[in-house]
All heavy atoms as atom14 arrays in JSON, in Angstrom:
{
  "sequence": "ARENVALPLRLNGFRRQERLRRSEAVLSELGLKSRMHLKPKELSG",
  "atom14_mask": [
    [1, 1, 1, 1, 1, 0, 0, 0, 0, 0, 0, 0, 0, 0],
    [1, 1, 1, 1, 1, 1, 1, 1, 1, 1, 1, 0, 0, 0],
    [1, 1, 1, 1, 1, 1, 1, 1, 1, 0, 0, 0, 0, 0],
    [1, 1, 1, 1, 1, 1, 1, 1, 0, 0, 0, 0, 0, 0],
    [1, 1, 1, 1, 1, 1, 1, 0, 0, 0, 0, 0, 0, 0],
    [1, 1, 1, 1, 1, 0, 0, 0, 0, 0, 0, 0, 0, 0],
    [1, 1, 1, 1, 1, 1, 1, 1, 0, 0, 0, 0, 0, 0],
    [1, 1, 1, 1, 1, 1, 1, 0, 0, 0, 0, 0, 0, 0],
    [1, 1, 1, 1, 1, 1, 1, 1, 0, 0, 0, 0, 0, 0],
    [1, 1, 1, 1, 1, 1, 1, 1, 1, 1, 1, 0, 0, 0],
    [1, 1, 1, 1, 1, 1, 1, 1, 0, 0, 0, 0, 0, 0],
    [1, 1, 1, 1, 1, 1, 1, 1, 0, 0, 0, 0, 0, 0],
    [1, 1, 1, 1, 0, 0, 0, 0, 0, 0, 0, 0, 0, 0],
    [1, 1, 1, 1, 1, 1, 1, 1, 1, 1, 1, 0, 0, 0],
    [1, 1, 1, 1, 1, 1, 1, 1, 1, 1, 1, 0, 0, 0],
    [1, 1, 1, 1, 1, 1, 1, 1, 1, 1, 1, 0, 0, 0],
    [1, 1, 1, 1, 1, 1, 1, 1, 1, 0, 0, 0, 0, 0],
    [1, 1, 1, 1, 1, 1, 1, 1, 1, 0, 0, 0, 0, 0],
    [1, 1, 1, 1, 1, 1, 1, 1, 1, 1, 1, 0, 0, 0],
    [1, 1, 1, 1, 1, 1, 1, 1, 0, 0, 0, 0, 0, 0],
    [1, 1, 1, 1, 1, 1, 1, 1, 1, 1, 1, 0, 0, 0],
    [1, 1, 1, 1, 1, 1, 1, 1, 1, 1, 1, 0, 0, 0],
    [1, 1, 1, 1, 1, 1, 0, 0, 0, 0, 0, 0, 0, 0],
    [1, 1, 1, 1, 1, 1, 1, 1, 1, 0, 0, 0, 0, 0],
    [1, 1, 1, 1, 1, 0, 0, 0, 0, 0, 0, 0, 0, 0],
    [1, 1, 1, 1, 1, 1, 1, 0, 0, 0, 0, 0, 0, 0],
    [1, 1, 1, 1, 1, 1, 1, 1, 0, 0, 0, 0, 0, 0],
    [1, 1, 1, 1, 1, 1, 0, 0, 0, 0, 0, 0, 0, 0],
    [1, 1, 1, 1, 1, 1, 1, 1, 1, 0, 0, 0, 0, 0],
    [1, 1, 1, 1, 1, 1, 1, 1, 0, 0, 0, 0, 0, 0],
    [1, 1, 1, 1, 0, 0, 0, 0, 0, 0, 0, 0, 0, 0],
    [1, 1, 1, 1, 1, 1, 1, 1, 0, 0, 0, 0, 0, 0],
    [1, 1, 1, 1, 1, 1, 1, 1, 1, 0, 0, 0, 0, 0],
    [1, 1, 1, 1, 1, 1, 0, 0, 0, 0, 0, 0, 0, 0],
    [1, 1, 1, 1, 1, 1, 1, 1, 1, 1, 1, 0, 0, 0],
    [1, 1, 1, 1, 1, 1, 1, 1, 0, 0, 0, 0, 0, 0],
    [1, 1, 1, 1, 1, 1, 1, 1, 1, 1, 0, 0, 0, 0],
    [1, 1, 1, 1, 1, 1, 1, 1, 0, 0, 0, 0, 0, 0],
    [1, 1, 1, 1, 1, 1, 1, 1, 1, 0, 0, 0, 0, 0],
    [1, 1, 1, 1, 1, 1, 1, 0, 0, 0, 0, 0, 0, 0],
    [1, 1, 1, 1, 1, 1, 1, 1, 1, 0, 0, 0, 0, 0],
    [1, 1, 1, 1, 1, 1, 1, 1, 1, 0, 0, 0, 0, 0],
    [1, 1, 1, 1, 1, 1, 1, 1, 0, 0, 0, 0, 0, 0],
    [1, 1, 1, 1, 1, 1, 0, 0, 0, 0, 0, 0, 0, 0],
    [1, 1, 1, 1, 0, 0, 0, 0, 0, 0, 0, 0, 0, 0]
  ],
  "atom14_positions": [
    [[-0.74, -2.45, 5.47], [-1.25, -1.25, 4.79], [-0.86, -1.3, 3.31], [-1.72, -1.03, 2.43], [-0.64, 0.04, 5.41], [0.0, 0.0, 0.0], [0.0, 0.0, 0.0], [0.0, 0.0, 0.0], [0.0, 0.0, 0.0], [0.0, 0.0, 0.0], [0.0, 0.0, 0.0], [0.0, 0.0, 0.0], [0.0, 0.0, 0.0], [0.0, 0.0, 0.0]],
    [[0.38, -1.7, 3.02], [0.79, -1.74, 1.6], [-0.05, -2.82, 0.91], [-0.39, -2.6, -0.3], [2.28, -2.04, 1.52], [2.76, -2.0, 0.05], [4.29, -2.28, -0.02], [4.57, -3.72, 0.35], [5.76, -4.28, 0.31], [6.8, -3.47, 0.09], [5.95, -5.47, 0.66], [0.0, 0.0, 0.0], [0.0, 0.0, 0.0], [0.0, 0.0, 0.0]],
    [[-0.24, -3.98, 1.46], [-1.0, -5.02, 0.82], [-2.51, -4.63, 0.59], [-3.05, -4.92, -0.41], [-0.93, -6.25, 1.61], [0.42, -6.88, 1.69], [0.61, -8.0, 2.79], [-0.14, -7.93, 3.72], [1.54, -8.77, 2.61], [0.0, 0.0, 0.0], [0.0, 0.0, 0.0], [0.0, 0.0, 0.0], [0.0, 0.0, 0.0], [0.0, 0.0, 0.0]],
    [[-3.04, -3.83, 1.45], [-4.43, -3.32, 1.4], [-4.5, -2.43, 0.09], [-5.43, -2.49, -0.65], [-4.93, -2.69, 2.61], [-5.62, -3.52, 3.58], [-6.81, -3.81, 3.27], [-4.97, -3.92, 4.63], [0.0, 0.0, 0.0], [0.0, 0.0, 0.0], [0.0, 0.0, 0.0], [0.0, 0.0, 0.0], [0.0, 0.0, 0.0], [0.0, 0.0, 0.0]],
    [[-3.49, -1.54, 0.03], [-3.52, -0.63, -1.1], [-3.27, -1.32, -2.36], [-3.79, -0.94, -3.45], [-2.39, 0.47, -0.88], [-2.29, 1.37, -2.07], [-2.78, 1.34, 0.37], [0.0, 0.0, 0.0], [0.0, 0.0, 0.0], [0.0, 0.0, 0.0], [0.0, 0.0, 0.0], [0.0, 0.0, 0.0], [0.0, 0.0, 0.0], [0.0, 0.0, 0.0]],
    [[-2.43, -2.35, -2.37], [-2.13, -3.08, -3.63], [-3.25, -3.97, -4.17], [-3.3, -4.31, -5.31], [-0.91, -3.99, -3.39], [0.0, 0.0, 0.0], [0.0, 0.0, 0.0], [0.0, 0.0, 0.0], [0.0, 0.0, 0.0], [0.0, 0.0, 0.0], [0.0, 0.0, 0.0], [0.0, 0.0, 0.0], [0.0, 0.0, 0.0], [0.0, 0.0, 0.0]],
    [[-4.25, -4.34, -3.32], [-5.26, -5.2, -3.72], [-6.02, -4.72, -4.99], [-6.17, -5.53, -5.93], [-6.24, -5.4, -2.52], [-7.35, -6.49, -2.79], [-6.73, -7.85, -3.16], [-8.26, -6.6, -1.55], [0.0, 0.0, 0.0], [0.0, 0.0, 0.0], [0.0, 0.0, 0.0], [0.0, 0.0, 0.0], [0.0, 0.0, 0.0], [0.0, 0.0, 0.0]],
    [[-6.58, -3.43, -5.02], [-7.26, -3.08, -6.26], [-6.36, -3.02, -7.44], [-6.86, -3.12, -8.58], [-7.89, -1.72, -5.87], [-7.1, -1.22, -4.78], [-6.71, -2.46, -4.01], [0.0, 0.0, 0.0], [0.0, 0.0, 0.0], [0.0, 0.0, 0.0], [0.0, 0.0, 0.0], [0.0, 0.0, 0.0], [0.0, 0.0, 0.0], [0.0, 0.0, 0.0]],
    [[-5.07, -2.76, -7.21], [-4.12, -2.74, -8.31], [-4.01, -4.18, -8.95], [-3.99, -4.36, -10.13], [-2.7, -2.34, -7.84], [-2.64, -0.92, -7.33], [-1.29, -0.6, -6.65], [-2.87, 0.09, -8.49], [0.0, 0.0, 0.0], [0.0, 0.0, 0.0], [0.0, 0.0, 0.0], [0.0, 0.0, 0.0], [0.0, 0.0, 0.0], [0.0, 0.0, 0.0]],
    [[-4.04, -5.17, -8.03], [-4.04, -6.56, -8.55], [-5.26, -6.83, -9.32], [-5.22, -7.49, -10.39], [-3.92, -7.47, -7.29], [-3.83, -8.97, -7.67], [-3.66, -9.85, -6.47], [-3.61, -11.24, -6.84], [-3.51, -12.21, -5.94], [-3.43, -11.95, -4.64], [-3.44, -13.45, -6.37], [0.0, 0.0, 0.0], [0.0, 0.0, 0.0], [0.0, 0.0, 0.0]],
    [[-6.45, -6.46, -8.81], [-7.71, -6.64, -9.54], [-7.71, -5.97, -10.89], [-8.38, -6.36, -11.77], [-8.81, -6.19, -8.68], [-9.08, -6.94, -7.35], [-10.21, -6.28, -6.6], [-9.41, -8.41, -7.6], [0.0, 0.0, 0.0], [0.0, 0.0, 0.0], [0.0, 0.0, 0.0], [0.0, 0.0, 0.0], [0.0, 0.0, 0.0], [0.0, 0.0, 0.0]],
    [[-6.97, -4.87, -10.98], [-6.86, -4.11, -12.29], [-5.77, -4.66, -13.2], [-5.55, -4.05, -14.29], [-6.64, -2.65, -12.0], [-7.99, -1.9, -11.8], [-8.66, -1.68, -12.76], [-8.22, -1.46, -10.6], [0.0, 0.0, 0.0], [0.0, 0.0, 0.0], [0.0, 0.0, 0.0], [0.0, 0.0, 0.0], [0.0, 0.0, 0.0], [0.0, 0.0, 0.0]],
    [[-5.08, -5.68, -12.74], [-4.22, -6.37, -13.68], [-2.75, -5.85, -13.67], [-1.94, -6.18, -14.5], [0.0, 0.0, 0.0], [0.0, 0.0, 0.0], [0.0, 0.0, 0.0], [0.0, 0.0, 0.0], [0.0, 0.0, 0.0], [0.0, 0.0, 0.0], [0.0, 0.0, 0.0], [0.0, 0.0, 0.0], [0.0, 0.0, 0.0], [0.0, 0.0, 0.0]],
    [[-2.37, -5.01, -12.68], [-1.07, -4.57, -12.57], [-0.13, -5.64, -12.1], [-0.49, -6.47, -11.27], [-0.96, -3.42, -11.59], [-1.57, -2.1, -12.03], [-2.89, -1.77, -11.74], [-0.78, -1.16, -12.69], [-3.43, -0.7, -12.18], [-1.36, 0.03, -13.17], [-2.67, 0.26, -12.89], [0.0, 0.0, 0.0], [0.0, 0.0, 0.0], [0.0, 0.0, 0.0]],
    [[1.15, -5.69, -12.69], [2.08, -6.69, -12.28], [2.64, -6.4, -10.78], [2.5, -5.3, -10.4], [3.25, -6.73, -13.31], [2.81, -7.18, -14.66], [4.03, -7.24, -15.61], [3.61, -7.7, -16.88], [3.54, -8.98, -17.24], [3.85, -9.95, -16.38], [3.17, -9.39, -18.46], [0.0, 0.0, 0.0], [0.0, 0.0, 0.0], [0.0, 0.0, 0.0]],
    [[3.19, -7.41, -10.24], [3.55, -7.3, -8.82], [4.57, -6.16, -8.58], [4.32, -5.42, -7.56], [4.27, -8.59, -8.35], [4.63, -8.62, -6.88], [5.19, -9.96, -6.45], [5.42, -9.93, -5.03], [6.52, -9.46, -4.42], [7.5, -8.99, -5.2], [6.71, -9.49, -3.15], [0.0, 0.0, 0.0], [0.0, 0.0, 0.0], [0.0, 0.0, 0.0]],
    [[5.53, -5.97, -9.39], [6.49, -4.86, -9.11], [5.84, -3.47, -9.21], [6.09, -2.64, -8.42], [7.62, -4.95, -10.14], [8.66, -6.0, -9.8], [9.21, -5.88, -8.38], [8.98, -6.75, -7.45], [10.0, -4.81, -8.1], [0.0, 0.0, 0.0], [0.0, 0.0, 0.0], [0.0, 0.0, 0.0], [0.0, 0.0, 0.0], [0.0, 0.0, 0.0]],
    [[4.96, -3.4, -10.18], [4.22, -2.11, -10.35], [3.24, -1.94, -9.17], [3.03, -0.79, -8.71], [3.43, -2.02, -11.65], [2.72, -0.8, -11.9], [3.62, 0.46, -12.03], [4.83, 0.33, -12.06], [3.02, 1.54, -12.13], [0.0, 0.0, 0.0], [0.0, 0.0, 0.0], [0.0, 0.0, 0.0], [0.0, 0.0, 0.0], [0.0, 0.0, 0.0]],
    [[2.6, -3.0, -8.71], [1.68, -2.82, -7.54], [2.49, -2.39, -6.27], [2.0, -1.5, -5.58], [1.09, -4.24, -7.21], [0.17, -4.75, -8.3], [-0.8, -5.8, -7.72], [-0.17, -6.94, -7.08], [0.16, -8.06, -7.68], [-0.11, -8.23, -9.03], [0.68, -9.09, -7.1], [0.0, 0.0, 0.0], [0.0, 0.0, 0.0], [0.0, 0.0, 0.0]],
    [[3.63, -2.91, -6.07], [4.52, -2.52, -4.96], [4.88, -1.08, -5.1], [4.86, -0.29, -4.18], [5.72, -3.43, -4.83], [5.44, -4.88, -4.48], [6.78, -5.71, -4.45], [4.76, -4.99, -3.07], [0.0, 0.0, 0.0], [0.0, 0.0, 0.0], [0.0, 0.0, 0.0], [0.0, 0.0, 0.0], [0.0, 0.0, 0.0], [0.0, 0.0, 0.0]],
    [[5.33, -0.72, -6.32], [5.87, 0.7, -6.57], [4.73, 1.71, -6.31], [4.89, 2.68, -5.59], [6.36, 0.78, -8.0], [7.01, 2.16, -8.2], [7.22, 2.39, -9.75], [5.96, 2.6, -10.44], [5.25, 3.73, -10.44], [5.73, 4.83, -9.74], [4.2, 3.87, -11.12], [0.0, 0.0, 0.0], [0.0, 0.0, 0.0], [0.0, 0.0, 0.0]],
    [[3.57, 1.42, -6.83], [2.45, 2.36, -6.73], [2.02, 2.47, -5.3], [1.68, 3.58, -4.78], [1.28, 1.98, -7.66], [1.52, 2.33, -9.11], [0.32, 1.88, -9.9], [0.46, 2.31, -11.27], [-0.37, 3.2, -11.87], [-1.32, 3.77, -11.15], [-0.2, 3.54, -13.09], [0.0, 0.0, 0.0], [0.0, 0.0, 0.0], [0.0, 0.0, 0.0]],
    [[1.82, 1.34, -4.62], [1.3, 1.31, -3.22], [2.23, 2.02, -2.32], [1.86, 2.83, -1.5], [0.92, -0.05, -2.76], [2.1, -0.87, -2.88], [0.0, 0.0, 0.0], [0.0, 0.0, 0.0], [0.0, 0.0, 0.0], [0.0, 0.0, 0.0], [0.0, 0.0, 0.0], [0.0, 0.0, 0.0], [0.0, 0.0, 0.0], [0.0, 0.0, 0.0]],
    [[3.52, 1.79, -2.49], [4.5, 2.45, -1.62], [4.56, 3.93, -1.9], [4.62, 4.83, -1.01], [5.9, 1.85, -1.82], [6.03, 0.47, -1.36], [7.38, -0.14, -1.51], [8.29, 0.51, -2.02], [7.54, -1.36, -1.16], [0.0, 0.0, 0.0], [0.0, 0.0, 0.0], [0.0, 0.0, 0.0], [0.0, 0.0, 0.0], [0.0, 0.0, 0.0]],
    [[4.43, 4.34, -3.13], [4.47, 5.75, -3.52], [3.36, 6.53, -2.96], [3.5, 7.66, -2.39], [4.55, 5.92, -5.09], [0.0, 0.0, 0.0], [0.0, 0.0, 0.0], [0.0, 0.0, 0.0], [0.0, 0.0, 0.0], [0.0, 0.0, 0.0], [0.0, 0.0, 0.0], [0.0, 0.0, 0.0], [0.0, 0.0, 0.0], [0.0, 0.0, 0.0]],
    [[2.12, 6.0, -3.08], [1.01, 6.77, -2.63], [0.92, 6.82, -1.08], [0.55, 7.75, -0.47], [-0.32, 6.2, -3.17], [-0.67, 4.81, -2.64], [-1.45, 7.17, -3.08], [0.0, 0.0, 0.0], [0.0, 0.0, 0.0], [0.0, 0.0, 0.0], [0.0, 0.0, 0.0], [0.0, 0.0, 0.0], [0.0, 0.0, 0.0], [0.0, 0.0, 0.0]],
    [[1.37, 5.74, -0.42], [1.43, 5.75, 1.04], [2.48, 6.71, 1.54], [2.23, 7.42, 2.52], [1.72, 4.34, 1.64], [0.61, 3.29, 1.52], [1.01, 1.9, 1.83], [-0.53, 3.69, 2.55], [0.0, 0.0, 0.0], [0.0, 0.0, 0.0], [0.0, 0.0, 0.0], [0.0, 0.0, 0.0], [0.0, 0.0, 0.0], [0.0, 0.0, 0.0]],
    [[3.57, 6.81, 0.84], [4.58, 7.8, 1.21], [4.06, 9.16, 1.03], [4.25, 10.05, 1.84], [5.83, 7.61, 0.37], [6.46, 6.3, 0.65], [0.0, 0.0, 0.0], [0.0, 0.0, 0.0], [0.0, 0.0, 0.0], [0.0, 0.0, 0.0], [0.0, 0.0, 0.0], [0.0, 0.0, 0.0], [0.0, 0.0, 0.0], [0.0, 0.0, 0.0]],
    [[3.34, 9.4, -0.01], [2.77, 10.76, -0.31], [1.76, 11.16, 0.77], [1.64, 12.35, 1.09], [2.03, 10.71, -1.68], [1.47, 12.07, -2.06], [0.65, 12.0, -3.38], [0.64, 10.88, -4.02], [0.04, 13.02, -3.74], [0.0, 0.0, 0.0], [0.0, 0.0, 0.0], [0.0, 0.0, 0.0], [0.0, 0.0, 0.0], [0.0, 0.0, 0.0]],
    [[1.1, 10.18, 1.35], [0.1, 10.47, 2.45], [0.72, 10.39, 3.8], [-0.04, 10.37, 4.81], [-1.1, 9.52, 2.33], [-1.89, 9.68, 0.98], [-3.01, 8.73, 1.01], [-2.49, 11.07, 0.81], [0.0, 0.0, 0.0], [0.0, 0.0, 0.0], [0.0, 0.0, 0.0], [0.0, 0.0, 0.0], [0.0, 0.0, 0.0], [0.0, 0.0, 0.0]],
    [[2.03, 10.32, 3.91], [2.71, 10.4, 5.23], [2.77, 9.11, 5.92], [2.85, 9.03, 7.14], [0.0, 0.0, 0.0], [0.0, 0.0, 0.0], [0.0, 0.0, 0.0], [0.0, 0.0, 0.0], [0.0, 0.0, 0.0], [0.0, 0.0, 0.0], [0.0, 0.0, 0.0], [0.0, 0.0, 0.0], [0.0, 0.0, 0.0], [0.0, 0.0, 0.0]],
    [[2.68, 7.98, 5.21], [2.55, 6.69, 5.83], [3.72, 5.74, 5.44], [3.59, 4.51, 5.64], [1.22, 6.01, 5.46], [-0.07, 6.68, 6.07], [-1.31, 6.05, 5.45], [-0.07, 6.51, 7.55], [0.0, 0.0, 0.0], [0.0, 0.0, 0.0], [0.0, 0.0, 0.0], [0.0, 0.0, 0.0], [0.0, 0.0, 0.0], [0.0, 0.0, 0.0]],
    [[4.82, 6.31, 5.06], [5.95, 5.51, 4.56], [6.42, 4.57, 5.71], [6.71, 3.32, 5.45], [7.12, 6.39, 4.12], [8.3, 5.64, 3.59], [9.36, 6.57, 3.09], [10.55, 5.8, 2.51], [11.56, 6.72, 1.94], [0.0, 0.0, 0.0], [0.0, 0.0, 0.0], [0.0, 0.0, 0.0], [0.0, 0.0, 0.0], [0.0, 0.0, 0.0]],
    [[6.4, 5.02, 6.94], [6.96, 4.23, 8.05], [5.92, 3.28, 8.58], [6.17, 2.47, 9.5], [7.5, 5.11, 9.18], [6.45, 5.92, 9.72], [0.0, 0.0, 0.0], [0.0, 0.0, 0.0], [0.0, 0.0, 0.0], [0.0, 0.0, 0.0], [0.0, 0.0, 0.0], [0.0, 0.0, 0.0], [0.0, 0.0, 0.0], [0.0, 0.0, 0.0]],
    [[4.7, 3.33, 8.07], [3.57, 2.56, 8.66], [3.07, 1.53, 7.62], [2.12, 0.75, 7.97], [2.44, 3.46, 9.01], [2.74, 4.71, 9.82], [3.27, 4.4, 11.14], [2.16, 4.17, 12.07], [2.35, 3.67, 13.3], [3.57, 3.44, 13.76], [1.32, 3.42, 14.05], [0.0, 0.0, 0.0], [0.0, 0.0, 0.0], [0.0, 0.0, 0.0]],
    [[3.71, 1.4, 6.46], [3.09, 0.59, 5.36], [3.13, -0.85, 5.7], [2.46, -1.67, 5.13], [3.73, 0.92, 4.06], [5.17, 0.55, 3.96], [5.84, 0.95, 2.24], [5.71, 2.68, 2.21], [0.0, 0.0, 0.0], [0.0, 0.0, 0.0], [0.0, 0.0, 0.0], [0.0, 0.0, 0.0], [0.0, 0.0, 0.0], [0.0, 0.0, 0.0]],
    [[4.03, -1.3, 6.61], [4.07, -2.73, 6.86], [3.24, -3.16, 8.1], [3.29, -4.32, 8.56], [5.57, -3.16, 7.14], [6.43, -2.93, 5.96], [6.24, -3.65, 4.79], [7.44, -2.03, 5.73], [7.19, -3.26, 3.87], [7.87, -2.29, 4.37], [0.0, 0.0, 0.0], [0.0, 0.0, 0.0], [0.0, 0.0, 0.0], [0.0, 0.0, 0.0]],
    [[2.48, -2.16, 8.66], [1.68, -2.48, 9.83], [0.28, -2.89, 9.32], [-0.28, -2.45, 8.33], [1.55, -1.2, 10.68], [2.84, -0.7, 11.31], [2.56, 0.52, 12.23], [3.6, -1.77, 12.1], [0.0, 0.0, 0.0], [0.0, 0.0, 0.0], [0.0, 0.0, 0.0], [0.0, 0.0, 0.0], [0.0, 0.0, 0.0], [0.0, 0.0, 0.0]],
    [[-0.39, -3.71, 10.23], [-1.8, -4.14, 9.88], [-2.74, -3.18, 10.53], [-2.34, -2.4, 11.4], [-1.95, -5.57, 10.37], [-1.1, -6.63, 9.6], [-1.43, -7.96, 10.1], [-0.64, -9.0, 9.21], [-0.84, -10.39, 9.57], [0.0, 0.0, 0.0], [0.0, 0.0, 0.0], [0.0, 0.0, 0.0], [0.0, 0.0, 0.0], [0.0, 0.0, 0.0]],
    [[-4.01, -3.18, 10.08], [-4.99, -2.19, 10.49], [-5.07, -2.06, 12.01], [-5.2, -0.97, 12.53], [-6.22, -2.69, 9.87], [-5.8, -3.27, 8.59], [-4.53, -3.98, 8.93], [0.0, 0.0, 0.0], [0.0, 0.0, 0.0], [0.0, 0.0, 0.0], [0.0, 0.0, 0.0], [0.0, 0.0, 0.0], [0.0, 0.0, 0.0], [0.0, 0.0, 0.0]],
    [[-4.94, -3.13, 12.76], [-5.12, -3.09, 14.2], [-3.97, -2.36, 14.86], [-4.11, -1.88, 16.01], [-5.18, -4.52, 14.8], [-3.93, -5.33, 14.66], [-4.11, -6.7, 15.32], [-2.85, -7.52, 15.2], [-3.02, -8.9, 15.74], [0.0, 0.0, 0.0], [0.0, 0.0, 0.0], [0.0, 0.0, 0.0], [0.0, 0.0, 0.0], [0.0, 0.0, 0.0]],
    [[-2.85, -2.18, 14.18], [-1.74, -1.38, 14.63], [-1.75, 0.1, 14.22], [-0.8, 0.84, 14.61], [-0.43, -2.03, 14.15], [-0.31, -3.47, 14.58], [0.9, -4.12, 13.94], [0.8, -4.45, 12.67], [1.91, -4.35, 14.58], [0.0, 0.0, 0.0], [0.0, 0.0, 0.0], [0.0, 0.0, 0.0], [0.0, 0.0, 0.0], [0.0, 0.0, 0.0]],
    [[-2.71, 0.47, 13.52], [-2.9, 1.86, 13.02], [-3.95, 2.67, 13.77], [-4.9, 2.08, 14.21], [-3.21, 1.84, 11.52], [-2.23, 1.15, 10.55], [-2.82, 1.1, 9.18], [-0.88, 1.8, 10.56], [0.0, 0.0, 0.0], [0.0, 0.0, 0.0], [0.0, 0.0, 0.0], [0.0, 0.0, 0.0], [0.0, 0.0, 0.0], [0.0, 0.0, 0.0]],
    [[-3.81, 3.99, 13.86], [-4.8, 4.83, 14.39], [-5.94, 5.02, 13.48], [-5.79, 4.61, 12.27], [-4.21, 6.21, 14.77], [-3.9, 6.91, 13.55], [0.0, 0.0, 0.0], [0.0, 0.0, 0.0], [0.0, 0.0, 0.0], [0.0, 0.0, 0.0], [0.0, 0.0, 0.0], [0.0, 0.0, 0.0], [0.0, 0.0, 0.0], [0.0, 0.0, 0.0]],
    [[-7.02, 5.55, 13.89], [-8.19, 5.85, 13.02], [-7.81, 6.73, 11.86], [-8.17, 6.48, 10.64], [0.0, 0.0, 0.0], [0.0, 0.0, 0.0], [0.0, 0.0, 0.0], [0.0, 0.0, 0.0], [0.0, 0.0, 0.0], [0.0, 0.0, 0.0], [0.0, 0.0, 0.0], [0.0, 0.0, 0.0], [0.0, 0.0, 0.0], [0.0, 0.0, 0.0]]
  ]
}
C-alpha cells in the first residue's frame, strides 16, 4: 500500500524520505496505518 501511494510522488520528483513521509502520513490519516505494508490482494475492497 505504501509503495502504491509513493509511486506518483516519485514521478513528481519527491526524494525518497519525503515520499515515505507523505505516503505514511496520508495512509495513517485514512485509517490504514496498520495496513500500509500489505499488498492489494491482502486488502479488502
